[in-house]
Each structure stands twice: as C-alpha cells, then as structure tokens.
Amino acid sequence: MSVAPPVSEDAVFAPVRSQTAFEETVERLGTAIKLGLLAPGTQLPAERELCRKLGIARSTLRQALLALGQTGHLQATRGRRGGTFVADPQPPSELPSEELLAQWQEVCDSRMALEVGVAVLAAQRADGAVLNALAGLVGEMERQVGEYPNYRLADVRFHVALAESTGSSRLVAAMTATQGEMTDLIAHISHPAAVLRASNEQHQRLVRALRTHDGARAARIMSEHVEGTTHILGGLLPSRT
C-alpha cells in the first residue's frame, strides 16, 4: 500500500477542545481526507499518539475511527504491517446540488438559533405527557440505530414535538421547515451507528434537563447537539466542485 508524503501534523492533529469531541474528531479527520491532506493509503498515527495529539480519550478516538470506517473514509488492517489507513475514495451515488452545498452552514446556523430557543421554552412549558412522549421517542431511536430511515423519522418527530410543547404555531412551522432542510443535507452522508448513538445520548440528556425545568442546561445540551451535527456535516459532506 502506497503512502503519500506527510502533511503538517499541526494542521490535522491539533488538539480537539470542543465539548463535542467525538463529532469534532470525525470532522477533523473527514475534512483532512476530503481535502487530500490525508491521501489514500496514508497510515494514521498509533492510537496512543493520536489521543495525545488530539487531546481526547481513547474511547472517543475509537468511536470516531469506527464511524469513519463505516463511512468508507478509513480501513483497518491486521498483522505486522497493520494499522488504520485512509481508504481509496468511493464516488458518491448522487452529489448534492451546488446550491445546497453553498448553504449548508447557513442552514445549520439557522437551526442553532431556532433549536436553542425552543429548548429554553420547552424547559418552561413541556408537561409530563410531552416529556414522556419525548422519552419514548428517545427509546425508539435507540432501537432503530441500525435502521436509519426509522431512526430519522423518530428524530424528526422528537424535534417537532419539542416545538409543539412551546404552544407556538410559528415555532412548529419553523422547526418543520428546518428539519426538512436538515433531512436534505444528511441524506448525502453516511449514518454510522456511533454517530447516531452519540446524537441520541444528547437527546436523552436534554429530556432529563427538561424534566427539571432547567432552561440553561437544556440550552447548553441543545447547542452541543446542533454543533455536533454541524461538525459531522462539515467532515462528511462531499466537496463542492
């Protein structure tokens, strides 16, 4: 297996300092692969060295490497010359439009503003029946991790139900539109189980914050949740032509 000349490790493997360490690691490595900074055949440093450089726990690194293996970005080999290597690129079956790629960050920015506000209001207004329904959707997503279309359906219902708990028809309409835009975006990336489980763990934490009517905590969790998805999209969306 050929190995490309080394790139600046400072650029690719700088410490990850975000609260969304898993998602940011996926973005960092996925973007480096997408841009050719880590060329096909390049072997990643050993896990201990990567953890040191990125400043993350080994469990977080392994979760990110597993996700990138499931998306086809990385491949692992065993034996004396084994390790984790950048895989040969696989052409996507369908590229998103130039317009969609140009606007994806704006979509995520708009989603951040909407979802954090909704989370704060939901902490104030969601009643027991709504909270139990949200917890049920979290459980449904956990059961559907291996069936992405079913997972995504429960995910959309979760976020729309949050908006419905505010009692605002405008927020429900805005949330529905935002979730439609997000569905269009994430249709163009893979959906590894590790990514879905990390996302749903944030859903679970959010429901716990809502049950205690802790608006500040709900806002922080939702901010991490949206930021995490943004990192995943930044690392896995195809490059613009």
C-alpha atoms as a PDB file:
ATOM      1  CA  MET A   1       0.000   0.000   0.000  1.00  0.00           C
ATOM      2  CA  SER A   2       1.491   3.328  -1.072  1.00  0.00           C
ATOM      3  CA  VAL A   3       1.916   6.103   1.426  1.00  0.00           C
ATOM      4  CA  ALA A   4       1.614   9.766   0.489  1.00  0.00           C
ATOM      5  CA  PRO A   5       4.146  12.324   1.682  1.00  0.00           C
ATOM      6  CA  PRO A   6       3.366  13.516   5.207  1.00  0.00           C
ATOM      7  CA  VAL A   7       1.317  16.649   5.722  1.00  0.00           C
ATOM      8  CA  SER A   8       1.656  19.105   8.558  1.00  0.00           C
ATOM      9  CA  GLU A   9       0.532  17.258  11.659  1.00  0.00           C
ATOM     10  CA  ASP A  10      -0.109  20.583  13.368  1.00  0.00           C
ATOM     11  CA  ALA A  11      -2.867  21.283  10.832  1.00  0.00           C
ATOM     12  CA  VAL A  12      -4.588  17.908  11.000  1.00  0.00           C
ATOM     13  CA  PHE A  13      -3.967  16.678  14.530  1.00  0.00           C
ATOM     14  CA  ALA A  14      -4.201  19.847  16.623  1.00  0.00           C
ATOM     15  CA  PRO A  15      -5.918  19.323  19.988  1.00  0.00           C
ATOM     16  CA  VAL A  16      -9.708  18.981  19.992  1.00  0.00           C
ATOM     17  CA  ARG A  17     -11.083  21.328  22.631  1.00  0.00           C
ATOM     18  CA  SER A  18     -14.793  21.300  21.837  1.00  0.00           C
ATOM     19  CA  GLN A  19     -17.432  19.870  24.139  1.00  0.00           C
ATOM     20  CA  THR A  20     -18.411  17.774  21.111  1.00  0.00           C
ATOM     21  CA  ALA A  21     -15.069  15.963  20.963  1.00  0.00           C
ATOM     22  CA  PHE A  22     -16.368  12.900  19.112  1.00  0.00           C
ATOM     23  CA  GLU A  23     -18.092  14.858  16.364  1.00  0.00           C
ATOM     24  CA  GLU A  24     -15.208  17.330  16.044  1.00  0.00           C
ATOM     25  CA  THR A  25     -12.749  14.454  15.653  1.00  0.00           C
ATOM     26  CA  VAL A  26     -14.900  12.986  12.873  1.00  0.00           C
ATOM     27  CA  GLU A  27     -14.986  16.410  11.198  1.00  0.00           C
ATOM     28  CA  ARG A  28     -11.242  16.981  11.583  1.00  0.00           C
ATOM     29  CA  LEU A  29     -10.233  13.656  10.046  1.00  0.00           C
ATOM     30  CA  GLY A  30     -13.053  13.549   7.500  1.00  0.00           C
ATOM     31  CA  THR A  31     -12.217  17.020   6.216  1.00  0.00           C
ATOM     32  CA  ALA A  32      -8.497  16.224   6.021  1.00  0.00           C
ATOM     33  CA  ILE A  33      -9.305  13.152   3.933  1.00  0.00           C
ATOM     34  CA  LYS A  34     -11.773  15.049   1.759  1.00  0.00           C
ATOM     35  CA  LEU A  35      -9.254  17.809   1.031  1.00  0.00           C
ATOM     36  CA  GLY A  36      -6.431  15.367   0.318  1.00  0.00           C
ATOM     37  CA  LEU A  37      -4.357  16.370   3.343  1.00  0.00           C
ATOM     38  CA  LEU A  38      -4.530  12.706   4.274  1.00  0.00           C
ATOM     39  CA  ALA A  39      -4.232  10.919   0.932  1.00  0.00           C
ATOM     40  CA  PRO A  40      -5.427   7.370   0.166  1.00  0.00           C
ATOM     41  CA  GLY A  41      -3.012   4.880   1.677  1.00  0.00           C
ATOM     42  CA  THR A  42      -1.817   7.201   4.435  1.00  0.00           C
ATOM     43  CA  GLN A  43      -1.459   5.394   7.747  1.00  0.00           C
ATOM     44  CA  LEU A  44      -2.738   7.244  10.791  1.00  0.00           C
ATOM     45  CA  PRO A  45      -0.502   7.502  13.846  1.00  0.00           C
ATOM     46  CA  ALA A  46      -0.949   4.908  16.568  1.00  0.00           C
ATOM     47  CA  GLU A  47      -3.966   5.367  18.847  1.00  0.00           C
ATOM     48  CA  ARG A  48      -1.902   6.478  21.835  1.00  0.00           C
ATOM     49  CA  GLU A  49      -0.146   9.120  19.737  1.00  0.00           C
ATOM     50  CA  LEU A  50      -3.392  10.320  18.168  1.00  0.00           C
ATOM     51  CA  CYS A  51      -5.028  10.631  21.578  1.00  0.00           C
ATOM     52  CA  ARG A  52      -2.081  12.681  22.802  1.00  0.00           C
ATOM     53  CA  LYS A  53      -2.088  14.994  19.787  1.00  0.00           C
ATOM     54  CA  LEU A  54      -5.860  15.484  19.710  1.00  0.00           C
ATOM     55  CA  GLY A  55      -6.199  15.679  23.486  1.00  0.00           C
ATOM     56  CA  ILE A  56      -9.041  13.157  23.630  1.00  0.00           C
ATOM     57  CA  ALA A  57      -9.774   9.885  25.421  1.00  0.00           C
ATOM     58  CA  ARG A  58      -9.036   6.608  23.650  1.00  0.00           C
ATOM     59  CA  SER A  59     -12.737   5.671  23.795  1.00  0.00           C
ATOM     60  CA  THR A  60     -13.615   8.893  21.939  1.00  0.00           C
ATOM     61  CA  LEU A  61     -10.951   8.247  19.306  1.00  0.00           C
ATOM     62  CA  ARG A  62     -12.060   4.666  18.753  1.00  0.00           C
ATOM     63  CA  GLN A  63     -15.656   5.793  18.366  1.00  0.00           C
ATOM     64  CA  ALA A  64     -14.616   8.344  15.725  1.00  0.00           C
ATOM     65  CA  LEU A  65     -12.398   5.864  13.865  1.00  0.00           C
ATOM     66  CA  LEU A  66     -15.225   3.323  13.855  1.00  0.00           C
ATOM     67  CA  ALA A  67     -17.616   5.908  12.412  1.00  0.00           C
ATOM     68  CA  LEU A  68     -15.133   6.888   9.679  1.00  0.00           C
ATOM     69  CA  GLY A  69     -14.578   3.221   8.888  1.00  0.00           C
ATOM     70  CA  GLN A  70     -18.311   2.735   8.452  1.00  0.00           C
ATOM     71  CA  THR A  71     -18.497   5.731   6.126  1.00  0.00           C
ATOM     72  CA  GLY A  72     -15.697   4.319   3.962  1.00  0.00           C
ATOM     73  CA  HIS A  73     -13.136   7.001   4.827  1.00  0.00           C
ATOM     74  CA  LEU A  74     -10.812   4.664   6.742  1.00  0.00           C
ATOM     75  CA  GLN A  75      -9.937   0.988   6.688  1.00  0.00           C
ATOM     76  CA  ALA A  76      -8.188  -1.105   9.324  1.00  0.00           C
ATOM     77  CA  THR A  77      -5.796  -3.964   8.577  1.00  0.00           C
ATOM     78  CA  ARG A  78      -4.313  -6.572  10.896  1.00  0.00           C
ATOM     79  CA  GLY A  79      -0.915  -8.178  11.109  1.00  0.00           C
ATOM     80  CA  ARG A  80       2.650  -6.927  11.460  1.00  0.00           C
ATOM     81  CA  ARG A  81       2.037  -4.148   8.943  1.00  0.00           C
ATOM     82  CA  GLY A  82      -1.476  -3.464  10.112  1.00  0.00           C
ATOM     83  CA  GLY A  83      -2.968  -0.203  11.235  1.00  0.00           C
ATOM     84  CA  THR A  84      -5.611   2.336  10.244  1.00  0.00           C
ATOM     85  CA  PHE A  85      -5.272   3.672   6.700  1.00  0.00           C
ATOM     86  CA  VAL A  86      -7.078   6.241   4.577  1.00  0.00           C
ATOM     87  CA  ALA A  87      -9.241   4.286   2.150  1.00  0.00           C
ATOM     88  CA  ASP A  88      -9.456   4.822  -1.582  1.00  0.00           C
ATOM     89  CA  PRO A  89     -12.240   7.335  -2.255  1.00  0.00           C
ATOM     90  CA  GLN A  90     -15.623   5.932  -3.201  1.00  0.00           C
ATOM     91  CA  PRO A  91     -17.612   8.052  -5.678  1.00  0.00           C
ATOM     92  CA  PRO A  92     -20.969   9.054  -4.193  1.00  0.00           C
ATOM     93  CA  SER A  93     -24.055   7.784  -5.976  1.00  0.00           C
ATOM     94  CA  GLU A  94     -25.538  11.264  -6.089  1.00  0.00           C
ATOM     95  CA  LEU A  95     -23.888  14.597  -5.393  1.00  0.00           C
ATOM     96  CA  PRO A  96     -25.858  17.319  -3.615  1.00  0.00           C
ATOM     97  CA  SER A  97     -26.545  20.438  -5.607  1.00  0.00           C
ATOM     98  CA  GLU A  98     -24.117  23.346  -5.623  1.00  0.00           C
ATOM     99  CA  GLU A  99     -26.810  25.483  -4.011  1.00  0.00           C
ATOM    100  CA  LEU A 100     -27.266  23.021  -1.160  1.00  0.00           C
ATOM    101  CA  LEU A 101     -23.531  22.745  -0.548  1.00  0.00           C
ATOM    102  CA  ALA A 102     -23.176  26.523  -0.614  1.00  0.00           C
ATOM    103  CA  GLN A 103     -25.903  27.000   2.002  1.00  0.00           C
ATOM    104  CA  TRP A 104     -25.358  24.104   4.402  1.00  0.00           C
ATOM    105  CA  GLN A 105     -23.594  26.243   7.020  1.00  0.00           C
ATOM    106  CA  GLU A 106     -26.383  28.825   6.918  1.00  0.00           C
ATOM    107  CA  VAL A 107     -28.937  26.067   7.401  1.00  0.00           C
ATOM    108  CA  CYS A 108     -27.030  24.877  10.471  1.00  0.00           C
ATOM    109  CA  ASP A 109     -26.708  28.430  11.815  1.00  0.00           C
ATOM    110  CA  SER A 110     -30.454  28.996  11.463  1.00  0.00           C
ATOM    111  CA  ARG A 111     -31.107  25.671  13.126  1.00  0.00           C
ATOM    112  CA  MET A 112     -28.888  26.637  16.077  1.00  0.00           C
ATOM    113  CA  ALA A 113     -30.826  29.838  16.693  1.00  0.00           C
ATOM    114  CA  LEU A 114     -34.189  28.071  16.462  1.00  0.00           C
ATOM    115  CA  GLU A 115     -33.461  24.877  18.390  1.00  0.00           C
ATOM    116  CA  VAL A 116     -31.741  26.536  21.353  1.00  0.00           C
ATOM    117  CA  GLY A 117     -34.661  28.927  21.796  1.00  0.00           C
ATOM    118  CA  VAL A 118     -37.147  26.086  21.543  1.00  0.00           C
ATOM    119  CA  ALA A 119     -35.229  24.099  24.162  1.00  0.00           C
ATOM    120  CA  VAL A 120     -35.399  27.016  26.614  1.00  0.00           C
ATOM    121  CA  LEU A 121     -39.153  27.409  26.115  1.00  0.00           C
ATOM    122  CA  ALA A 122     -39.731  23.658  26.302  1.00  0.00           C
ATOM    123  CA  ALA A 123     -37.997  23.594  29.691  1.00  0.00           C
ATOM    124  CA  GLN A 124     -40.564  26.131  30.877  1.00  0.00           C
ATOM    125  CA  ARG A 125     -43.678  24.731  29.219  1.00  0.00           C
ATOM    126  CA  ALA A 126     -43.399  20.992  28.485  1.00  0.00           C
ATOM    127  CA  ASP A 127     -45.797  18.972  30.682  1.00  0.00           C
ATOM    128  CA  GLY A 128     -45.449  15.413  31.896  1.00  0.00           C
ATOM    129  CA  ALA A 129     -47.264  13.891  28.933  1.00  0.00           C
ATOM    130  CA  VAL A 130     -44.966  15.638  26.459  1.00  0.00           C
ATOM    131  CA  LEU A 131     -41.861  14.654  28.401  1.00  0.00           C
ATOM    132  CA  ASN A 132     -42.960  11.026  28.482  1.00  0.00           C
ATOM    133  CA  ALA A 133     -43.599  11.141  24.726  1.00  0.00           C
ATOM    134  CA  LEU A 134     -40.127  12.604  24.138  1.00  0.00           C
ATOM    135  CA  ALA A 135     -38.570   9.878  26.296  1.00  0.00           C
ATOM    136  CA  GLY A 136     -40.478   7.309  24.231  1.00  0.00           C
ATOM    137  CA  LEU A 137     -39.012   8.734  21.023  1.00  0.00           C
ATOM    138  CA  VAL A 138     -35.514   8.562  22.544  1.00  0.00           C
ATOM    139  CA  GLY A 139     -36.130   4.886  23.215  1.00  0.00           C
ATOM    140  CA  GLU A 140     -37.405   4.379  19.681  1.00  0.00           C
ATOM    141  CA  MET A 141     -34.271   5.960  18.230  1.00  0.00           C
ATOM    142  CA  GLU A 142     -32.107   3.686  20.369  1.00  0.00           C
ATOM    143  CA  ARG A 143     -33.938   0.661  18.970  1.00  0.00           C
ATOM    144  CA  GLN A 144     -33.641   1.922  15.388  1.00  0.00           C
ATOM    145  CA  VAL A 145     -29.913   2.754  15.324  1.00  0.00           C
ATOM    146  CA  GLY A 146     -29.389   0.067  12.688  1.00  0.00           C
ATOM    147  CA  GLU A 147     -32.344   1.216  10.558  1.00  0.00           C
ATOM    148  CA  TYR A 148     -31.583   4.800   9.632  1.00  0.00           C
ATOM    149  CA  PRO A 149     -34.900   5.709   7.896  1.00  0.00           C
ATOM    150  CA  ASN A 150     -36.807   4.678  11.029  1.00  0.00           C
ATOM    151  CA  TYR A 151     -34.291   6.453  13.265  1.00  0.00           C
ATOM    152  CA  ARG A 152     -34.618   9.657  11.260  1.00  0.00           C
ATOM    153  CA  LEU A 153     -38.426   9.539  11.413  1.00  0.00           C
ATOM    154  CA  ALA A 154     -38.306   9.346  15.221  1.00  0.00           C
ATOM    155  CA  ASP A 155     -35.627  12.065  15.268  1.00  0.00           C
ATOM    156  CA  VAL A 156     -37.810  14.471  13.281  1.00  0.00           C
ATOM    157  CA  ARG A 157     -40.809  13.709  15.482  1.00  0.00           C
ATOM    158  CA  PHE A 158     -38.689  14.427  18.566  1.00  0.00           C
ATOM    159  CA  HIS A 159     -37.629  17.883  17.402  1.00  0.00           C
ATOM    160  CA  VAL A 160     -41.087  18.830  16.127  1.00  0.00           C
ATOM    161  CA  ALA A 161     -42.607  17.664  19.423  1.00  0.00           C
ATOM    162  CA  LEU A 162     -40.202  19.968  21.252  1.00  0.00           C
ATOM    163  CA  ALA A 163     -41.514  22.877  19.200  1.00  0.00           C
ATOM    164  CA  GLU A 164     -45.117  21.793  19.789  1.00  0.00           C
ATOM    165  CA  SER A 165     -44.515  21.868  23.550  1.00  0.00           C
ATOM    166  CA  THR A 166     -43.957  25.630  23.344  1.00  0.00           C
ATOM    167  CA  GLY A 167     -47.525  26.182  22.146  1.00  0.00           C
ATOM    168  CA  SER A 168     -46.262  28.360  19.270  1.00  0.00           C
ATOM    169  CA  SER A 169     -47.565  27.511  15.807  1.00  0.00           C
ATOM    170  CA  ARG A 170     -44.833  29.695  14.287  1.00  0.00           C
ATOM    171  CA  LEU A 171     -42.110  27.716  16.007  1.00  0.00           C
ATOM    172  CA  VAL A 172     -43.689  24.441  14.928  1.00  0.00           C
ATOM    173  CA  ALA A 173     -43.746  25.635  11.313  1.00  0.00           C
ATOM    174  CA  ALA A 174     -40.152  26.856  11.545  1.00  0.00           C
ATOM    175  CA  MET A 175     -38.999  23.593  13.126  1.00  0.00           C
ATOM    176  CA  THR A 176     -40.748  21.541  10.457  1.00  0.00           C
ATOM    177  CA  ALA A 177     -39.065  23.557   7.700  1.00  0.00           C
ATOM    178  CA  THR A 178     -35.663  23.314   9.392  1.00  0.00           C
ATOM    179  CA  GLN A 179     -35.937  19.565   9.838  1.00  0.00           C
ATOM    180  CA  GLY A 180     -36.831  19.266   6.153  1.00  0.00           C
ATOM    181  CA  GLU A 181     -33.662  21.154   5.202  1.00  0.00           C
ATOM    182  CA  MET A 182     -31.583  19.001   7.546  1.00  0.00           C
ATOM    183  CA  THR A 183     -33.039  15.836   6.045  1.00  0.00           C
ATOM    184  CA  ASP A 184     -31.957  17.025   2.598  1.00  0.00           C
ATOM    185  CA  LEU A 185     -28.432  17.638   3.878  1.00  0.00           C
ATOM    186  CA  ILE A 186     -27.855  14.491   5.882  1.00  0.00           C
ATOM    187  CA  ALA A 187     -29.226  12.337   3.074  1.00  0.00           C
ATOM    188  CA  HIS A 188     -25.842  12.893   1.401  1.00  0.00           C
ATOM    189  CA  ILE A 189     -23.701  11.428   4.187  1.00  0.00           C
ATOM    190  CA  SER A 190     -23.402   8.004   5.768  1.00  0.00           C
ATOM    191  CA  HIS A 191     -25.041   7.288   9.106  1.00  0.00           C
ATOM    192  CA  PRO A 192     -22.723   5.180  11.281  1.00  0.00           C
ATOM    193  CA  ALA A 193     -24.257   3.717  14.415  1.00  0.00           C
ATOM    194  CA  ALA A 194     -21.636   5.502  16.546  1.00  0.00           C
ATOM    195  CA  VAL A 195     -22.817   8.883  15.264  1.00  0.00           C
ATOM    196  CA  LEU A 196     -26.487   8.069  15.800  1.00  0.00           C
ATOM    197  CA  ARG A 197     -25.887   6.799  19.343  1.00  0.00           C
ATOM    198  CA  ALA A 198     -23.891   9.918  20.257  1.00  0.00           C
ATOM    199  CA  SER A 199     -26.697  12.104  18.928  1.00  0.00           C
ATOM    200  CA  ASN A 200     -29.360  10.167  20.814  1.00  0.00           C
ATOM    201  CA  GLU A 201     -27.385  10.327  24.052  1.00  0.00           C
ATOM    202  CA  GLN A 202     -27.733  14.109  23.766  1.00  0.00           C
ATOM    203  CA  HIS A 203     -31.498  13.691  23.245  1.00  0.00           C
ATOM    204  CA  GLN A 204     -31.590  11.676  26.458  1.00  0.00           C
ATOM    205  CA  ARG A 205     -29.675  14.317  28.405  1.00  0.00           C
ATOM    206  CA  LEU A 206     -31.982  17.002  27.026  1.00  0.00           C
ATOM    207  CA  VAL A 207     -35.103  15.211  28.267  1.00  0.00           C
ATOM    208  CA  ARG A 208     -33.548  14.970  31.745  1.00  0.00           C
ATOM    209  CA  ALA A 209     -32.886  18.721  31.718  1.00  0.00           C
ATOM    210  CA  LEU A 210     -36.458  19.420  30.607  1.00  0.00           C
ATOM    211  CA  ARG A 211     -37.842  17.300  33.457  1.00  0.00           C
ATOM    212  CA  THR A 212     -36.071  19.562  35.976  1.00  0.00           C
ATOM    213  CA  HIS A 213     -37.160  22.717  34.083  1.00  0.00           C
ATOM    214  CA  ASP A 214     -33.503  23.704  33.722  1.00  0.00           C
ATOM    215  CA  GLY A 215     -33.604  26.034  30.726  1.00  0.00           C
ATOM    216  CA  ALA A 216     -29.917  26.959  30.862  1.00  0.00           C
ATOM    217  CA  ARG A 217     -28.849  23.324  30.872  1.00  0.00           C
ATOM    218  CA  ALA A 218     -31.309  22.481  28.104  1.00  0.00           C
ATOM    219  CA  ALA A 219     -29.863  25.304  26.006  1.00  0.00           C
ATOM    220  CA  ARG A 220     -26.294  24.043  26.527  1.00  0.00           C
ATOM    221  CA  ILE A 221     -27.206  20.485  25.597  1.00  0.00           C
ATOM    222  CA  MET A 222     -29.127  21.563  22.511  1.00  0.00           C
ATOM    223  CA  SER A 223     -26.252  23.801  21.456  1.00  0.00           C
ATOM    224  CA  GLU A 224     -23.865  20.840  21.731  1.00  0.00           C
ATOM    225  CA  HIS A 225     -26.334  18.675  19.821  1.00  0.00           C
ATOM    226  CA  VAL A 226     -26.668  21.066  16.884  1.00  0.00           C
ATOM    227  CA  GLU A 227     -22.934  21.820  16.887  1.00  0.00           C
ATOM    228  CA  GLY A 228     -22.221  18.094  16.806  1.00  0.00           C
ATOM    229  CA  THR A 229     -24.346  17.611  13.685  1.00  0.00           C
ATOM    230  CA  THR A 230     -22.637  20.611  12.101  1.00  0.00           C
ATOM    231  CA  HIS A 231     -19.229  19.036  12.711  1.00  0.00           C
ATOM    232  CA  ILE A 232     -20.383  15.743  11.175  1.00  0.00           C
ATOM    233  CA  LEU A 233     -21.694  17.515   8.075  1.00  0.00           C
ATOM    234  CA  GLY A 234     -18.506  19.569   7.789  1.00  0.00           C
ATOM    235  CA  GLY A 235     -16.420  16.403   7.781  1.00  0.00           C
ATOM    236  CA  LEU A 236     -18.566  14.122   5.622  1.00  0.00           C
ATOM    237  CA  LEU A 237     -20.406  16.252   3.055  1.00  0.00           C
ATOM    238  CA  PRO A 238     -18.848  15.968  -0.425  1.00  0.00           C
ATOM    239  CA  SER A 239     -16.640  18.847  -1.518  1.00  0.00           C
ATOM    240  CA  ARG A 240     -18.026  21.456  -3.861  1.00  0.00           C
ATOM    241  CA  THR A 241     -16.843  21.067  -7.448  1.00  0.00           C
END
